[in-house]
Each structure stands twice: as structure tokens, then as C-alpha cells.
PDB file of all heavy atoms in Angstrom:
ATOM      1  N   LYS A   1       3.669   0.251   5.010  1.00  0.00           N
ATOM      2  CA  LYS A   1       2.775   0.067   6.150  1.00  0.00           C
ATOM      3  C   LYS A   1       2.316   1.542   6.640  1.00  0.00           C
ATOM      4  O   LYS A   1       1.212   1.743   6.935  1.00  0.00           O
ATOM      5  CB  LYS A   1       3.425  -0.655   7.300  1.00  0.00           C
ATOM      6  CG  LYS A   1       2.480  -0.853   8.449  1.00  0.00           C
ATOM      7  CD  LYS A   1       3.148  -1.688   9.568  1.00  0.00           C
ATOM      8  CE  LYS A   1       2.142  -1.910  10.736  1.00  0.00           C
ATOM      9  NZ  LYS A   1       2.730  -2.798  11.760  1.00  0.00           N
ATOM     10  N   GLY A   2       3.381   2.426   6.618  1.00  0.00           N
ATOM     11  CA  GLY A   2       3.026   3.775   6.946  1.00  0.00           C
ATOM     12  C   GLY A   2       1.917   4.418   6.015  1.00  0.00           C
ATOM     13  O   GLY A   2       0.948   5.069   6.489  1.00  0.00           O
ATOM     14  N   VAL A   3       2.087   4.237   4.733  1.00  0.00           N
ATOM     15  CA  VAL A   3       1.086   4.710   3.738  1.00  0.00           C
ATOM     16  C   VAL A   3      -0.248   4.027   3.992  1.00  0.00           C
ATOM     17  O   VAL A   3      -1.307   4.708   4.014  1.00  0.00           O
ATOM     18  CB  VAL A   3       1.633   4.411   2.366  1.00  0.00           C
ATOM     19  CG1 VAL A   3       0.454   4.858   1.292  1.00  0.00           C
ATOM     20  CG2 VAL A   3       2.863   5.191   2.025  1.00  0.00           C
ATOM     21  N   LEU A   4      -0.266   2.771   4.215  1.00  0.00           N
ATOM     22  CA  LEU A   4      -1.468   2.067   4.421  1.00  0.00           C
ATOM     23  C   LEU A   4      -2.193   2.462   5.596  1.00  0.00           C
ATOM     24  O   LEU A   4      -3.487   2.624   5.667  1.00  0.00           O
ATOM     25  CB  LEU A   4      -1.249   0.553   4.465  1.00  0.00           C
ATOM     26  CG  LEU A   4      -2.469  -0.467   4.223  1.00  0.00           C
ATOM     27  CD1 LEU A   4      -3.099  -0.085   2.968  1.00  0.00           C
ATOM     28  CD2 LEU A   4      -2.042  -1.865   4.300  1.00  0.00           C
ATOM     29  N   MET A   5      -1.508   2.726   6.697  1.00  0.00           N
ATOM     30  CA  MET A   5      -2.160   3.244   7.926  1.00  0.00           C
ATOM     31  C   MET A   5      -2.827   4.619   7.745  1.00  0.00           C
ATOM     32  O   MET A   5      -3.773   4.939   8.315  1.00  0.00           O
ATOM     33  CB  MET A   5      -1.210   3.170   9.040  1.00  0.00           C
ATOM     34  CG  MET A   5      -0.801   1.747   9.485  1.00  0.00           C
ATOM     35  SD  MET A   5      -2.176   0.669   9.977  1.00  0.00           S
ATOM     36  CE  MET A   5      -2.424  -0.292   8.553  1.00  0.00           C
ATOM     37  N   ARG A   6      -2.003   5.443   6.993  1.00  0.00           N
ATOM     38  CA  ARG A   6      -2.630   6.789   6.717  1.00  0.00           C
ATOM     39  C   ARG A   6      -3.851   6.743   5.838  1.00  0.00           C
ATOM     40  O   ARG A   6      -4.788   7.416   6.081  1.00  0.00           O
ATOM     41  CB  ARG A   6      -1.547   7.654   5.992  1.00  0.00           C
ATOM     42  CG  ARG A   6      -0.407   8.162   6.903  1.00  0.00           C
ATOM     43  CD  ARG A   6      -0.933   9.033   8.035  1.00  0.00           C
ATOM     44  NE  ARG A   6      -1.499  10.306   7.533  1.00  0.00           N
ATOM     45  CZ  ARG A   6      -0.840  11.420   7.445  1.00  0.00           C
ATOM     46  NH1 ARG A   6       0.451  11.494   7.765  1.00  0.00           N
ATOM     47  NH2 ARG A   6      -1.479  12.518   7.060  1.00  0.00           N
ATOM     48  N   LEU A   7      -3.842   5.789   4.935  1.00  0.00           N
ATOM     49  CA  LEU A   7      -5.054   5.566   4.096  1.00  0.00           C
ATOM     50  C   LEU A   7      -6.171   4.996   4.956  1.00  0.00           C
ATOM     51  O   LEU A   7      -7.331   5.498   4.707  1.00  0.00           O
ATOM     52  CB  LEU A   7      -4.691   4.577   2.971  1.00  0.00           C
ATOM     53  CG  LEU A   7      -3.810   5.123   1.861  1.00  0.00           C
ATOM     54  CD1 LEU A   7      -3.346   3.937   0.968  1.00  0.00           C
ATOM     55  CD2 LEU A   7      -4.488   6.195   1.026  1.00  0.00           C
ATOM     56  N   ARG A   8      -5.950   4.229   5.849  1.00  0.00           N
ATOM     57  CA  ARG A   8      -6.952   3.758   6.789  1.00  0.00           C
ATOM     58  C   ARG A   8      -7.561   4.961   7.610  1.00  0.00           C
ATOM     59  O   ARG A   8      -8.786   5.102   7.637  1.00  0.00           O
ATOM     60  CB  ARG A   8      -6.466   2.703   7.776  1.00  0.00           C
ATOM     61  CG  ARG A   8      -7.605   2.240   8.746  1.00  0.00           C
ATOM     62  CD  ARG A   8      -7.025   1.490   9.932  1.00  0.00           C
ATOM     63  NE  ARG A   8      -8.193   1.145  10.818  1.00  0.00           N
ATOM     64  CZ  ARG A   8      -8.123   0.469  11.948  1.00  0.00           C
ATOM     65  NH1 ARG A   8      -6.942  -0.055  12.268  1.00  0.00           N
ATOM     66  NH2 ARG A   8      -9.161   0.254  12.699  1.00  0.00           N
ATOM     67  N   ARG A   9      -6.709   5.814   8.106  1.00  0.00           N
ATOM     68  CA  ARG A   9      -7.149   7.007   8.788  1.00  0.00           C
ATOM     69  C   ARG A   9      -7.997   7.932   7.915  1.00  0.00           C
ATOM     70  O   ARG A   9      -8.925   8.671   8.356  1.00  0.00           O
ATOM     71  CB  ARG A   9      -5.958   7.772   9.445  1.00  0.00           C
ATOM     72  CG  ARG A   9      -5.393   7.063  10.657  1.00  0.00           C
ATOM     73  CD  ARG A   9      -4.091   7.523  10.983  1.00  0.00           C
ATOM     74  NE  ARG A   9      -3.884   9.019  11.039  1.00  0.00           N
ATOM     75  CZ  ARG A   9      -2.721   9.639  11.132  1.00  0.00           C
ATOM     76  NH1 ARG A   9      -1.562   8.922  11.168  1.00  0.00           N
ATOM     77  NH2 ARG A   9      -2.653  10.936  11.176  1.00  0.00           N
ATOM     78  N   ALA A  10      -7.682   7.838   6.574  1.00  0.00           N
ATOM     79  CA  ALA A  10      -8.436   8.745   5.630  1.00  0.00           C
ATOM     80  C   ALA A  10      -9.759   8.043   5.227  1.00  0.00           C
ATOM     81  O   ALA A  10     -10.589   8.533   4.446  1.00  0.00           O
ATOM     82  CB  ALA A  10      -7.583   8.937   4.439  1.00  0.00           C
ATOM     83  N   GLY A  11     -10.099   6.854   5.834  1.00  0.00           N
ATOM     84  CA  GLY A  11     -11.340   6.199   5.606  1.00  0.00           C
ATOM     85  C   GLY A  11     -11.333   5.254   4.396  1.00  0.00           C
ATOM     86  O   GLY A  11     -12.462   4.861   3.979  1.00  0.00           O
ATOM     87  N   CYS A  12     -10.210   4.946   3.894  1.00  0.00           N
ATOM     88  CA  CYS A  12     -10.046   4.055   2.744  1.00  0.00           C
ATOM     89  C   CYS A  12     -10.141   2.563   3.187  1.00  0.00           C
ATOM     90  O   CYS A  12      -9.524   2.134   4.095  1.00  0.00           O
ATOM     91  CB  CYS A  12      -8.758   4.290   2.006  1.00  0.00           C
ATOM     92  SG  CYS A  12      -8.601   5.889   1.224  1.00  0.00           S
ATOM     93  N   HIS A  13     -10.972   1.780   2.476  1.00  0.00           N
ATOM     94  CA  HIS A  13     -11.154   0.375   2.683  1.00  0.00           C
ATOM     95  C   HIS A  13     -10.405  -0.514   1.611  1.00  0.00           C
ATOM     96  O   HIS A  13      -9.946  -1.569   1.936  1.00  0.00           O
ATOM     97  CB  HIS A  13     -12.640  -0.001   2.759  1.00  0.00           C
ATOM     98  CG  HIS A  13     -13.334   0.648   3.918  1.00  0.00           C
ATOM     99  ND1 HIS A  13     -14.668   0.932   3.871  1.00  0.00           N
ATOM    100  CD2 HIS A  13     -12.847   1.133   5.105  1.00  0.00           C
ATOM    101  CE1 HIS A  13     -15.079   1.445   4.963  1.00  0.00           C
ATOM    102  NE2 HIS A  13     -13.914   1.635   5.709  1.00  0.00           N
ATOM    103  N   ASP A  14     -10.443  -0.102   0.403  1.00  0.00           N
ATOM    104  CA  ASP A  14      -9.899  -0.812  -0.779  1.00  0.00           C
ATOM    105  C   ASP A  14      -8.836   0.039  -1.367  1.00  0.00           C
ATOM    106  O   ASP A  14      -9.028   1.133  -1.813  1.00  0.00           O
ATOM    107  CB  ASP A  14     -10.932  -1.253  -1.762  1.00  0.00           C
ATOM    108  CG  ASP A  14     -11.501  -2.565  -1.406  1.00  0.00           C
ATOM    109  OD1 ASP A  14     -10.878  -3.501  -1.507  1.00  0.00           O
ATOM    110  OD2 ASP A  14     -12.760  -2.525  -1.007  1.00  0.00           O
ATOM    111  N   VAL A  15      -7.602  -0.495  -1.482  1.00  0.00           N
ATOM    112  CA  VAL A  15      -6.409   0.184  -2.039  1.00  0.00           C
ATOM    113  C   VAL A  15      -5.888  -0.530  -3.234  1.00  0.00           C
ATOM    114  O   VAL A  15      -5.684  -1.793  -3.157  1.00  0.00           O
ATOM    115  CB  VAL A  15      -5.354   0.394  -0.936  1.00  0.00           C
ATOM    116  CG1 VAL A  15      -4.027   1.063  -1.565  1.00  0.00           C
ATOM    117  CG2 VAL A  15      -5.784   1.251   0.211  1.00  0.00           C
ATOM    118  N   LEU A  16      -5.613   0.234  -4.289  1.00  0.00           N
ATOM    119  CA  LEU A  16      -5.113  -0.345  -5.569  1.00  0.00           C
ATOM    120  C   LEU A  16      -3.676   0.150  -5.729  1.00  0.00           C
ATOM    121  O   LEU A  16      -3.361   1.367  -5.752  1.00  0.00           O
ATOM    122  CB  LEU A  16      -6.002  -0.018  -6.746  1.00  0.00           C
ATOM    123  CG  LEU A  16      -5.562  -0.561  -8.121  1.00  0.00           C
ATOM    124  CD1 LEU A  16      -5.712  -1.998  -8.086  1.00  0.00           C
ATOM    125  CD2 LEU A  16      -6.426   0.075  -9.245  1.00  0.00           C
ATOM    126  N   ILE A  17      -2.671  -0.799  -5.865  1.00  0.00           N
ATOM    127  CA  ILE A  17      -1.265  -0.424  -6.190  1.00  0.00           C
ATOM    128  C   ILE A  17      -1.086  -0.700  -7.711  1.00  0.00           C
ATOM    129  O   ILE A  17      -1.349  -1.740  -8.230  1.00  0.00           O
ATOM    130  CB  ILE A  17      -0.376  -1.403  -5.408  1.00  0.00           C
ATOM    131  CG1 ILE A  17      -0.633  -1.312  -3.961  1.00  0.00           C
ATOM    132  CG2 ILE A  17       1.104  -0.908  -5.674  1.00  0.00           C
ATOM    133  CD1 ILE A  17      -0.557  -0.017  -3.208  1.00  0.00           C
ATOM    134  N   GLU A  18      -0.652   0.364  -8.386  1.00  0.00           N
ATOM    135  CA  GLU A  18      -0.508   0.358  -9.813  1.00  0.00           C
ATOM    136  C   GLU A  18       0.939   0.303 -10.287  1.00  0.00           C
ATOM    137  O   GLU A  18       1.178   0.196 -11.448  1.00  0.00           O
ATOM    138  CB  GLU A  18      -1.303   1.440 -10.472  1.00  0.00           C
ATOM    139  CG  GLU A  18      -2.803   1.159 -10.506  1.00  0.00           C
ATOM    140  CD  GLU A  18      -3.554   1.795 -11.745  1.00  0.00           C
ATOM    141  OE1 GLU A  18      -2.837   2.195 -12.687  1.00  0.00           O
ATOM    142  OE2 GLU A  18      -4.729   1.918 -11.596  1.00  0.00           O
ATOM    143  N   GLY A  19       1.839   0.478  -9.429  1.00  0.00           N
ATOM    144  CA  GLY A  19       3.267   0.447  -9.914  1.00  0.00           C
ATOM    145  C   GLY A  19       4.112   1.608  -9.502  1.00  0.00           C
ATOM    146  O   GLY A  19       3.590   2.423  -8.682  1.00  0.00           O
ATOM    147  N   GLY A  20       5.359   1.474  -9.836  1.00  0.00           N
ATOM    148  CA  GLY A  20       6.034   0.501 -10.672  1.00  0.00           C
ATOM    149  C   GLY A  20       6.586  -0.658 -10.000  1.00  0.00           C
ATOM    150  O   GLY A  20       6.080  -1.112  -8.918  1.00  0.00           O
ATOM    151  N   ALA A  21       7.656  -1.257 -10.565  1.00  0.00           N
ATOM    152  CA  ALA A  21       8.135  -2.491 -10.087  1.00  0.00           C
ATOM    153  C   ALA A  21       8.731  -2.456  -8.717  1.00  0.00           C
ATOM    154  O   ALA A  21       8.503  -3.320  -7.852  1.00  0.00           O
ATOM    155  CB  ALA A  21       9.214  -2.980 -10.955  1.00  0.00           C
ATOM    156  N   ALA A  22       9.492  -1.331  -8.341  1.00  0.00           N
ATOM    157  CA  ALA A  22      10.022  -1.119  -7.058  1.00  0.00           C
ATOM    158  C   ALA A  22       8.928  -0.978  -5.995  1.00  0.00           C
ATOM    159  O   ALA A  22       9.029  -1.606  -4.912  1.00  0.00           O
ATOM    160  CB  ALA A  22      11.013  -0.008  -6.974  1.00  0.00           C
ATOM    161  N   LEU A  23       7.910  -0.240  -6.326  1.00  0.00           N
ATOM    162  CA  LEU A  23       6.789  -0.133  -5.326  1.00  0.00           C
ATOM    163  C   LEU A  23       6.087  -1.438  -5.066  1.00  0.00           C
ATOM    164  O   LEU A  23       5.778  -1.810  -3.964  1.00  0.00           O
ATOM    165  CB  LEU A  23       5.772   0.923  -5.828  1.00  0.00           C
ATOM    166  CG  LEU A  23       4.649   1.358  -4.820  1.00  0.00           C
ATOM    167  CD1 LEU A  23       5.215   2.283  -3.809  1.00  0.00           C
ATOM    168  CD2 LEU A  23       3.515   1.938  -5.594  1.00  0.00           C
ATOM    169  N   ALA A  24       5.773  -2.172  -6.159  1.00  0.00           N
ATOM    170  CA  ALA A  24       5.093  -3.478  -6.108  1.00  0.00           C
ATOM    171  C   ALA A  24       5.976  -4.409  -5.239  1.00  0.00           C
ATOM    172  O   ALA A  24       5.387  -5.120  -4.418  1.00  0.00           O
ATOM    173  CB  ALA A  24       4.938  -4.004  -7.460  1.00  0.00           C
ATOM    174  N   GLU A  25       7.267  -4.416  -5.471  1.00  0.00           N
ATOM    175  CA  GLU A  25       8.155  -5.287  -4.677  1.00  0.00           C
ATOM    176  C   GLU A  25       8.095  -4.978  -3.279  1.00  0.00           C
ATOM    177  O   GLU A  25       8.082  -5.921  -2.379  1.00  0.00           O
ATOM    178  CB  GLU A  25       9.609  -5.287  -5.270  1.00  0.00           C
ATOM    179  CG  GLU A  25      10.543  -6.253  -4.653  1.00  0.00           C
ATOM    180  CD  GLU A  25      11.877  -6.218  -5.272  1.00  0.00           C
ATOM    181  OE1 GLU A  25      12.385  -5.124  -5.718  1.00  0.00           O
ATOM    182  OE2 GLU A  25      12.560  -7.233  -5.361  1.00  0.00           O
ATOM    183  N   SER A  26       8.151  -3.682  -2.841  1.00  0.00           N
ATOM    184  CA  SER A  26       8.170  -3.281  -1.428  1.00  0.00           C
ATOM    185  C   SER A  26       6.947  -3.672  -0.737  1.00  0.00           C
ATOM    186  O   SER A  26       6.974  -4.088   0.356  1.00  0.00           O
ATOM    187  CB  SER A  26       8.499  -1.801  -1.280  1.00  0.00           C
ATOM    188  OG  SER A  26       7.409  -0.999  -1.914  1.00  0.00           O
ATOM    189  N   TRP A  27       5.771  -3.565  -1.429  1.00  0.00           N
ATOM    190  CA  TRP A  27       4.522  -3.897  -0.783  1.00  0.00           C
ATOM    191  C   TRP A  27       4.340  -5.443  -0.637  1.00  0.00           C
ATOM    192  O   TRP A  27       3.796  -5.933   0.309  1.00  0.00           O
ATOM    193  CB  TRP A  27       3.332  -3.349  -1.645  1.00  0.00           C
ATOM    194  CG  TRP A  27       3.181  -1.781  -1.384  1.00  0.00           C
ATOM    195  CD1 TRP A  27       4.009  -0.755  -1.807  1.00  0.00           C
ATOM    196  CD2 TRP A  27       2.140  -1.249  -0.579  1.00  0.00           C
ATOM    197  NE1 TRP A  27       3.503   0.421  -1.276  1.00  0.00           N
ATOM    198  CE2 TRP A  27       2.319   0.222  -0.613  1.00  0.00           C
ATOM    199  CE3 TRP A  27       0.943  -1.640  -0.013  1.00  0.00           C
ATOM    200  CZ2 TRP A  27       1.544   1.197  -0.009  1.00  0.00           C
ATOM    201  CZ3 TRP A  27       0.066  -0.736   0.568  1.00  0.00           C
ATOM    202  CH2 TRP A  27       0.371   0.626   0.523  1.00  0.00           C
ATOM    203  N   LEU A  28       4.871  -6.124  -1.718  1.00  0.00           N
ATOM    204  CA  LEU A  28       4.845  -7.606  -1.565  1.00  0.00           C
ATOM    205  C   LEU A  28       5.744  -8.078  -0.499  1.00  0.00           C
ATOM    206  O   LEU A  28       5.355  -8.943   0.288  1.00  0.00           O
ATOM    207  CB  LEU A  28       5.256  -8.219  -2.886  1.00  0.00           C
ATOM    208  CG  LEU A  28       4.276  -8.167  -4.033  1.00  0.00           C
ATOM    209  CD1 LEU A  28       5.001  -8.469  -5.406  1.00  0.00           C
ATOM    210  CD2 LEU A  28       3.121  -9.229  -3.806  1.00  0.00           C
ATOM    211  N   GLU A  29       6.949  -7.588  -0.371  1.00  0.00           N
ATOM    212  CA  GLU A  29       7.845  -7.912   0.663  1.00  0.00           C
ATOM    213  C   GLU A  29       7.397  -7.637   2.044  1.00  0.00           C
ATOM    214  O   GLU A  29       7.601  -8.328   3.035  1.00  0.00           O
ATOM    215  CB  GLU A  29       9.234  -7.339   0.460  1.00  0.00           C
ATOM    216  CG  GLU A  29      10.017  -7.906  -0.776  1.00  0.00           C
ATOM    217  CD  GLU A  29      11.291  -7.288  -0.881  1.00  0.00           C
ATOM    218  OE1 GLU A  29      11.620  -6.267  -0.254  1.00  0.00           O
ATOM    219  OE2 GLU A  29      12.097  -7.842  -1.694  1.00  0.00           O
ATOM    220  N   ALA A  30       6.576  -6.552   2.176  1.00  0.00           N
ATOM    221  CA  ALA A  30       6.058  -6.174   3.399  1.00  0.00           C
ATOM    222  C   ALA A  30       4.797  -7.025   3.826  1.00  0.00           C
ATOM    223  O   ALA A  30       4.179  -6.940   4.878  1.00  0.00           O
ATOM    224  CB  ALA A  30       5.583  -4.715   3.368  1.00  0.00           C
ATOM    225  N   GLY A  31       4.342  -7.880   2.878  1.00  0.00           N
ATOM    226  CA  GLY A  31       3.195  -8.790   3.202  1.00  0.00           C
ATOM    227  C   GLY A  31       1.898  -8.067   3.196  1.00  0.00           C
ATOM    228  O   GLY A  31       0.922  -8.507   3.849  1.00  0.00           O
ATOM    229  N   LEU A  32       1.780  -7.011   2.438  1.00  0.00           N
ATOM    230  CA  LEU A  32       0.566  -6.095   2.510  1.00  0.00           C
ATOM    231  C   LEU A  32      -0.253  -6.305   1.259  1.00  0.00           C
ATOM    232  O   LEU A  32      -1.410  -5.650   1.228  1.00  0.00           O
ATOM    233  CB  LEU A  32       0.988  -4.653   2.718  1.00  0.00           C
ATOM    234  CG  LEU A  32       1.693  -4.293   3.931  1.00  0.00           C
ATOM    235  CD1 LEU A  32       2.158  -2.855   4.002  1.00  0.00           C
ATOM    236  CD2 LEU A  32       0.849  -4.604   5.182  1.00  0.00           C
TER     237      LEU A  32
END
């Protein structure tokens, strides 16, 4: 969530998560 909010402040609208497994799991579990 902290990363996503910083990306919003940077003017990003579409964010692509490419990996790996631990990162994907943490973003899925956060409901993001």
C-alpha cells in the first residue's frame, strides 16, 4: 500500500507487478 500511494503521488494510474512470487503474494494478500 505504501508503494502504491507513492506511485499515485508520482502521477501513475496503471501499475504492473511482474514478480517474483513473494511480491505477488504480498500484493494479492493486501487486496491491491
